[in-house]
């Protein structure tokens, strides 16, 4: 034998156990394979389970659609009634439009828009709702940041006082605030209504924004401070962009609450220039059950909140979801 043939091959000399063990039959092989197949078969849902899940999902969708239609039925009836003449409304209900669509007319809206009281009330409502919303959002954002990230004496106790103000009902403050506004000349003024809505909207705004701002990572704020950012710049450049969804949600809530309010406006607003809710109530008191005035007036007052909601729908949903996750 030569030297080359005498040298052992490391690869050939190395014993291999994987090949024979995998190729040869083993007593546990068929049982193990059957168990694996059973596990794999039981891992996924059966056809019956998938079919029942789809049927359940379809039934749920049908139920939600039917419930939504029943929920919107009164609103749809009011909408159709707003396009019917007073004579048609007295002779039948709004469902007559389904068989006689030609009875629909826009005369009610034309008469309503020609009414100076209604058009002036819409402007008065804007003059109340917009400043009250901006003040609540601005002051609530500053206060929420202070309670979340600034250290000052009595911070926690003061925040507990703010949270306690959430349970104070509006009706409790009507008489004392009326006396206060009367003594300082704010009773029956637009500024008085704005201040009242701002005062009662701030506790919820501070509570909401403080909890949202407190979830911002501390490292992010510390990095901004290391870069030389002051508190005001930190608030404007870091906190406000991150809190945009919560601020948008708060603005929508506050605007809708002020726009649809009637009690505070009825007590504190100027009787010569009332908001739209009070103006519609005065129309009822003056003319009785005049649905031809109330129906278009109601939808005219609903148009602005709907536009605001759909304009900020994305931010509203983001803020609600962020608050739910956090």
Protein backbone atom coordinates (compact mmCIF):
# COMPACT_ATOMS: atom_id res chain seq x y z
CA UNK A 1 0.00 0.00 0.00
CA UNK A 2 1.16 3.49 -0.73
CA UNK A 3 1.33 6.33 1.77
CA UNK A 4 -1.68 8.00 0.32
CA UNK A 5 -3.86 4.90 0.65
CA UNK A 6 -2.70 4.33 4.21
CA UNK A 7 -3.85 7.83 5.34
CA UNK A 8 -7.29 7.51 6.88
CA UNK A 9 -10.05 9.75 5.50
CA UNK A 10 -11.51 11.83 8.35
CA UNK A 11 -14.84 12.15 6.59
CA UNK A 12 -15.16 8.43 5.92
CA UNK A 13 -13.99 7.50 9.38
CA UNK A 14 -16.51 9.79 11.09
CA UNK A 15 -19.57 7.73 12.06
CA UNK A 16 -22.88 9.02 10.81
CA UNK A 17 -26.06 8.25 12.67
CA UNK A 18 -28.55 10.64 11.03
CA UNK A 19 -28.87 8.69 7.78
CA UNK A 20 -29.76 5.26 9.07
CA UNK A 21 -31.95 6.66 11.83
CA UNK A 22 -33.99 8.70 9.38
CA UNK A 23 -34.10 6.11 6.63
CA UNK A 24 -34.72 3.01 8.69
CA UNK A 25 -38.07 2.29 10.24
CA UNK A 26 -38.42 2.88 13.95
CA UNK A 27 -41.07 1.52 16.25
CA UNK A 28 -42.11 5.01 17.31
CA UNK A 29 -42.08 6.46 13.80
CA UNK A 30 -45.66 5.71 12.61
CA UNK A 31 -47.17 6.58 15.97
CA UNK A 32 -45.23 9.82 16.10
CA UNK A 33 -46.28 10.72 12.55
CA UNK A 34 -49.91 10.00 13.35
CA UNK A 35 -49.76 12.15 16.45
CA UNK A 36 -48.18 15.00 14.48
CA UNK A 37 -50.87 14.75 11.81
CA UNK A 38 -53.55 14.80 14.50
CA UNK A 39 -51.99 17.86 16.10
CA UNK A 40 -51.74 19.62 12.74
CA UNK A 41 -55.30 18.70 11.89
CA UNK A 42 -56.58 19.99 15.22
CA UNK A 43 -54.50 23.17 15.13
CA UNK A 44 -56.63 24.94 12.55
CA UNK A 45 -60.38 25.49 12.74
CA UNK A 46 -62.59 23.07 10.93
CA UNK A 47 -64.76 23.98 7.98
CA UNK A 48 -67.85 24.01 10.18
CA UNK A 49 -66.16 26.35 12.65
CA UNK A 50 -65.10 28.71 9.86
CA UNK A 51 -68.58 28.65 8.31
CA UNK A 52 -70.25 29.38 11.65
CA UNK A 53 -67.79 32.22 12.30
CA UNK A 54 -68.59 33.76 8.92
CA UNK A 55 -72.32 33.41 9.52
CA UNK A 56 -71.96 34.96 12.95
CA UNK A 57 -69.97 37.84 11.49
CA UNK A 58 -72.54 38.35 8.74
CA UNK A 59 -75.41 38.24 11.22
CA UNK A 60 -73.63 40.77 13.39
CA UNK A 61 -73.18 43.12 10.44
CA UNK A 62 -76.85 42.80 9.50
CA UNK A 63 -77.87 43.50 13.09
CA UNK A 64 -75.64 46.59 13.26
CA UNK A 65 -77.01 47.92 9.97
CA UNK A 66 -80.60 47.40 11.11
CA UNK A 67 -79.87 49.04 14.49
CA UNK A 68 -78.24 52.01 12.75
CA UNK A 69 -81.26 52.42 10.47
CA UNK A 70 -83.64 52.39 13.43
CA UNK A 71 -81.39 54.86 15.23
CA UNK A 72 -81.35 57.20 12.22
CA UNK A 73 -85.05 56.85 11.45
CA UNK A 74 -86.19 59.85 13.57
CA UNK A 75 -83.42 61.98 12.09
CA UNK A 76 -84.39 60.92 8.59
CA UNK A 77 -88.03 61.74 9.35
CA UNK A 78 -87.05 65.18 10.62
CA UNK A 79 -84.93 65.78 7.53
CA UNK A 80 -87.78 64.87 5.18
CA UNK A 81 -90.21 66.94 7.24
CA UNK A 82 -87.97 69.97 6.79
CA UNK A 83 -88.56 69.75 3.03
CA UNK A 84 -92.36 69.53 3.27
CA UNK A 85 -94.73 72.47 3.18
CA UNK A 86 -96.86 73.25 6.27
CA UNK A 87 -99.97 72.05 4.41
CA UNK A 88 -98.45 68.68 3.58
CA UNK A 89 -97.19 68.30 7.14
CA UNK A 90 -100.67 68.91 8.52
CA UNK A 91 -102.24 66.43 6.09
CA UNK A 92 -99.84 63.57 6.78
CA UNK A 93 -96.46 62.49 8.07
CA UNK A 94 -93.04 62.56 6.48
CA UNK A 95 -93.52 59.07 5.00
CA UNK A 96 -95.76 60.50 2.30
CA UNK A 97 -92.53 61.55 0.58
CA UNK A 98 -91.85 57.88 -0.18
CA UNK A 99 -94.88 57.74 -2.47
CA UNK A 100 -94.89 61.39 -3.62
CA UNK A 101 -91.32 62.73 -3.87
CA UNK A 102 -92.58 65.76 -5.83
CA UNK A 103 -93.85 67.28 -2.58
CA UNK A 104 -90.32 68.03 -1.45
CA UNK A 105 -89.56 71.74 -1.49
CA UNK A 106 -86.87 74.07 -0.17
CA UNK A 107 -89.26 76.88 0.75
CA UNK A 108 -88.85 76.22 4.47
CA UNK A 109 -85.09 76.80 4.28
CA UNK A 110 -85.58 79.93 2.20
CA UNK A 111 -87.97 81.39 4.78
CA UNK A 112 -85.67 80.36 7.60
CA UNK A 113 -82.61 82.00 6.07
CA UNK A 114 -84.68 85.12 5.47
CA UNK A 115 -85.44 85.24 9.21
CA UNK A 116 -83.01 87.72 10.77
CA UNK A 117 -83.42 86.16 14.20
CA UNK A 118 -82.20 82.75 13.05
CA UNK A 119 -79.31 84.03 10.96
CA UNK A 120 -78.22 86.37 13.75
CA UNK A 121 -78.42 83.53 16.26
CA UNK A 122 -76.02 81.47 14.14
CA UNK A 123 -73.48 84.30 14.26
CA UNK A 124 -73.99 84.64 18.02
CA UNK A 125 -73.39 80.91 18.45
CA UNK A 126 -70.14 81.18 16.52
CA UNK A 127 -69.12 84.14 18.68
CA UNK A 128 -69.62 81.98 21.78
CA UNK A 129 -68.42 78.54 20.64
CA UNK A 130 -65.16 79.52 18.95
CA UNK A 131 -63.62 81.61 21.79
CA UNK A 132 -64.82 79.14 24.44
CA UNK A 133 -63.19 76.27 22.56
CA UNK A 134 -59.91 78.09 21.93
CA UNK A 135 -59.62 79.24 25.54
CA UNK A 136 -60.30 75.78 26.95
CA UNK A 137 -57.85 74.08 24.60
CA UNK A 138 -55.09 76.67 25.13
CA UNK A 139 -55.36 76.96 28.92
CA UNK A 140 -55.94 73.23 29.29
CA UNK A 141 -52.81 72.43 27.27
CA UNK A 142 -50.61 74.75 29.35
CA UNK A 143 -52.04 73.49 32.63
CA UNK A 144 -51.83 69.85 31.53
CA UNK A 145 -48.16 70.23 30.67
CA UNK A 146 -47.45 71.95 33.99
CA UNK A 147 -49.16 69.21 36.00
CA UNK A 148 -47.40 66.51 34.01
CA UNK A 149 -43.79 67.70 33.82
CA UNK A 150 -43.18 70.77 36.02
CA UNK A 151 -42.31 70.54 39.68
CA UNK A 152 -43.93 73.10 41.97
CA UNK A 153 -45.21 73.01 45.57
CA UNK A 154 -48.63 71.46 46.02
CA UNK A 155 -48.84 70.15 42.47
CA UNK A 156 -50.51 66.85 43.33
CA UNK A 157 -52.98 68.40 45.76
CA UNK A 158 -53.92 71.08 43.26
CA UNK A 159 -54.46 68.44 40.59
CA UNK A 160 -56.77 66.56 42.97
CA UNK A 161 -58.78 69.77 43.37
CA UNK A 162 -59.06 70.06 39.58
CA UNK A 163 -60.24 66.45 39.33
CA UNK A 164 -62.77 67.11 42.11
CA UNK A 165 -64.24 69.97 40.09
CA UNK A 166 -65.32 67.45 37.45
CA UNK A 167 -68.21 66.33 39.66
CA UNK A 168 -69.61 69.85 40.17
CA UNK A 169 -72.83 70.13 38.11
CA UNK A 170 -73.54 73.20 36.04
CA UNK A 171 -76.90 73.79 37.72
CA UNK A 172 -75.22 74.41 41.10
CA UNK A 173 -73.33 77.43 39.78
CA UNK A 174 -76.15 79.15 37.88
CA UNK A 175 -77.44 81.35 40.72
CA UNK A 176 -74.11 82.38 42.34
CA UNK A 177 -72.46 83.02 38.97
CA UNK A 178 -75.50 85.03 37.86
CA UNK A 179 -75.13 87.26 40.92
CA UNK A 180 -71.39 87.60 40.27
CA UNK A 181 -71.85 88.46 36.60
CA UNK A 182 -74.61 90.92 37.49
CA UNK A 183 -72.34 92.76 39.91
CA UNK A 184 -69.49 93.10 37.41
CA UNK A 185 -71.63 93.78 34.33
CA UNK A 186 -71.21 90.46 32.51
CA UNK A 187 -74.78 89.20 32.82
CA UNK A 188 -76.54 88.76 29.45
CA UNK A 189 -73.33 89.29 27.51
CA UNK A 190 -71.42 87.08 25.12
CA UNK A 191 -68.29 87.40 27.25
CA UNK A 192 -70.18 86.06 30.26
CA UNK A 193 -71.31 82.95 28.39
CA UNK A 194 -67.78 82.36 27.08
CA UNK A 195 -66.29 82.66 30.57
CA UNK A 196 -68.87 80.28 32.04
CA UNK A 197 -68.21 77.63 29.38
CA UNK A 198 -64.45 78.10 29.78
CA UNK A 199 -64.59 77.67 33.55
CA UNK A 200 -66.63 74.49 33.37
CA UNK A 201 -64.66 73.06 30.45
CA UNK A 202 -61.21 73.52 31.98
CA UNK A 203 -61.31 70.72 34.61
CA UNK A 204 -61.97 68.06 32.02
CA UNK A 205 -59.43 69.60 29.63
CA UNK A 206 -56.69 69.66 32.29
CA UNK A 207 -57.47 66.11 33.39
CA UNK A 208 -57.45 64.75 29.83
CA UNK A 209 -54.34 66.53 28.58
CA UNK A 210 -52.34 65.99 31.76
CA UNK A 211 -52.85 62.23 31.51
CA UNK A 212 -51.95 62.28 27.81
CA UNK A 213 -48.84 64.44 28.25
CA UNK A 214 -47.63 62.28 31.14
CA UNK A 215 -47.29 59.34 28.73
CA UNK A 216 -44.65 61.14 26.66
CA UNK A 217 -41.23 59.47 27.22
CA UNK A 218 -39.11 61.38 29.71
CA UNK A 219 -35.98 60.66 27.67
CA UNK A 220 -37.41 62.64 24.75
CA UNK A 221 -37.96 65.72 26.90
CA UNK A 222 -34.56 65.40 28.55
CA UNK A 223 -32.89 65.15 25.14
CA UNK A 224 -34.63 68.35 24.08
CA UNK A 225 -33.49 70.09 27.26
CA UNK A 226 -29.91 68.95 26.65
CA UNK A 227 -30.13 70.54 23.20
CA UNK A 228 -30.89 73.85 24.90
CA UNK A 229 -34.68 73.97 24.56
CA UNK A 230 -36.50 75.97 27.20
CA UNK A 231 -39.86 75.01 28.66
CA UNK A 232 -41.86 77.15 26.25
CA UNK A 233 -39.96 75.89 23.22
CA UNK A 234 -40.17 72.33 24.52
CA UNK A 235 -43.92 72.71 24.92
CA UNK A 236 -44.39 74.17 21.44
CA UNK A 237 -41.97 71.97 19.47
CA UNK A 238 -42.26 68.60 21.23
CA UNK A 239 -45.32 68.31 23.45
CA UNK A 240 -47.92 69.97 21.23
CA UNK A 241 -47.12 67.93 18.09
CA UNK A 242 -47.20 64.69 20.08
CA UNK A 243 -50.43 65.71 21.82
CA UNK A 244 -52.17 66.78 18.62
CA UNK A 245 -54.74 63.93 18.59
CA UNK A 246 -55.75 64.53 22.21
CA UNK A 247 -55.99 68.28 21.66
CA UNK A 248 -58.13 67.76 18.55
CA UNK A 249 -60.44 65.40 20.46
CA UNK A 250 -60.79 67.91 23.27
CA UNK A 251 -61.54 70.71 20.80
CA UNK A 252 -64.29 68.68 19.14
CA UNK A 253 -65.87 67.76 22.47
CA UNK A 254 -65.79 71.33 23.72
CA UNK A 255 -67.12 72.84 20.50
CA UNK A 256 -70.02 70.39 20.29
CA UNK A 257 -70.89 70.94 23.94
CA UNK A 258 -70.93 74.73 23.63
CA UNK A 259 -72.70 74.74 20.26
CA UNK A 260 -75.54 72.48 21.47
CA UNK A 261 -75.87 74.10 24.89
CA UNK A 262 -79.19 75.68 25.79
CA UNK A 263 -79.29 75.98 29.58
CA UNK A 264 -76.29 78.28 30.00
CA UNK A 265 -77.25 80.30 26.92
CA UNK A 266 -80.81 80.67 28.17
CA UNK A 267 -79.59 82.07 31.51
CA UNK A 268 -76.54 84.16 30.60
CA UNK A 269 -76.82 85.05 26.90
CA UNK A 270 -78.07 88.35 25.56
CA UNK A 271 -81.81 88.04 24.97
CA UNK A 272 -81.56 90.41 22.00
CA UNK A 273 -78.92 88.26 20.29
CA UNK A 274 -79.48 84.71 21.51
CA UNK A 275 -77.66 81.58 20.29
CA UNK A 276 -79.40 79.29 17.84
CA UNK A 277 -80.73 76.90 20.48
CA UNK A 278 -82.46 79.72 22.36
CA UNK A 279 -83.68 81.28 19.11
CA UNK A 280 -85.35 78.05 18.06
CA UNK A 281 -86.95 77.74 21.49
CA UNK A 282 -88.31 81.27 21.13
CA UNK A 283 -89.78 80.35 17.75
CA UNK A 284 -91.68 77.48 19.38
CA UNK A 285 -92.97 79.75 22.13
CA UNK A 286 -94.08 82.35 19.64
CA UNK A 287 -95.70 80.25 16.92
CA UNK A 288 -96.55 77.00 18.71
CA UNK A 289 -95.88 73.63 17.13
CA UNK A 290 -94.40 74.92 13.87
CA UNK A 291 -92.41 71.96 12.58
CA UNK A 292 -91.82 73.76 9.29
CA UNK A 293 -89.58 76.20 11.23
CA UNK A 294 -88.08 73.78 13.74
CA UNK A 295 -87.10 71.03 11.29
CA UNK A 296 -84.95 73.16 8.96
CA UNK A 297 -83.62 75.11 11.95
CA UNK A 298 -82.53 71.91 13.67
CA UNK A 299 -80.70 70.67 10.60
CA UNK A 300 -79.15 74.07 10.02
CA UNK A 301 -77.77 74.01 13.56
CA UNK A 302 -76.56 70.42 13.05
CA UNK A 303 -74.64 71.26 9.89
CA UNK A 304 -71.78 73.11 11.58
CA UNK A 305 -70.99 70.42 14.20
CA UNK A 306 -71.08 67.77 11.48
CA UNK A 307 -68.62 69.73 9.36
CA UNK A 308 -66.30 70.20 12.34
CA UNK A 309 -66.47 66.50 13.24
CA UNK A 310 -65.79 65.22 9.73
CA UNK A 311 -63.01 67.78 9.22
CA UNK A 312 -61.16 66.50 12.31
CA UNK A 313 -62.36 62.90 12.17
CA UNK A 314 -58.89 61.44 11.72
CA UNK A 315 -57.46 63.34 14.69
CA UNK A 316 -60.50 62.50 16.80
CA UNK A 317 -60.19 58.76 16.19
CA UNK A 318 -56.42 58.89 16.78
CA UNK A 319 -56.90 60.68 20.07
CA UNK A 320 -59.57 58.27 21.29
CA UNK A 321 -57.52 55.22 20.31
CA UNK A 322 -54.35 56.65 21.85
CA UNK A 323 -56.16 57.31 25.09
CA UNK A 324 -57.63 53.80 25.08
CA UNK A 325 -54.23 52.16 24.51
CA UNK A 326 -52.46 54.27 27.09
